[in-house]
Amino acid sequence: MTTFNIDTTKGMEFGLYSLGDHVMNPVDGKRISAKQRIDEIIEAAKLAEQAGIDVFGVGESHQTHFTTQAHTVVLGAIAQATEKIKVTSSATVLSVSDPVRVYEDFATIDLISGGRAEIVGGMYPHIDTGFKLIRGAGYPKQQFAEAVDPQDALMVGDKHQIIEKLLYQHELFGMDRFMAQIDFGGVPFDKIMKNIEIIGNDILPVIKKYTAKG
């Protein structure tokens, strides 16, 4: 767990992460149970591994509409349910945790996973700050349409446009890994599964081919 062990000869790593938000489905206005939400996150990690995705992350949030406050428990379940995919926190909030316990939790996940655990640590200003900033302010569909430009950071578009965006960012920044969030805002799980399938079948092979070094 001391290094990221990224093999750049195989191309840029691609990862997915969830913050575990627990909000209404925008299609039918219903909210699934907290158990189903966590089950779906674990299932998404298993599907990501099957699709050849390199990394899966779960974040920690102590806001009202989230299910992964104890994100290390969820990561432990993912570590047990998978065999190859790297497991990481997408945000471990150090301001609310004992640093010794954080170390012990991730050392244990590393043992469970057979050396696949990583950690992303950070701070958070105040509970519910994020939602207060965006509550009541929608995101116009026209802005999504404009975001298909290859130089726009938002990953919006068809599979060919997403490939173009990723290759553009790799050329610009030279990063060895890209992490994407695909389940924010109550997106139905069948759409998450479809997106993972598209990433694995159509996007990853091209990205790996054109970013491999050596």
Foldseek 3Di string as FASTA:
>chain_A
DPDQPFQLLQFFAEEEEEQAFFAAAPPPRHTDDLVVSLVLLLVLLALLVVLVHAAYEYEAAPADGGNCVVVLVSLLVSLQVDAGHAYEHPEDAPVVDDPVVVVVSQVVSCVSNVNRYDYDYDHDDDHPPVCVVCPPPDDDPVVLVVQLPLCRPDQGDDLVSNLSNVVVVCVVPVDRYDYYYDCPDNHDSVVSSVVSNCCSPPRVVVRSVVRRDD
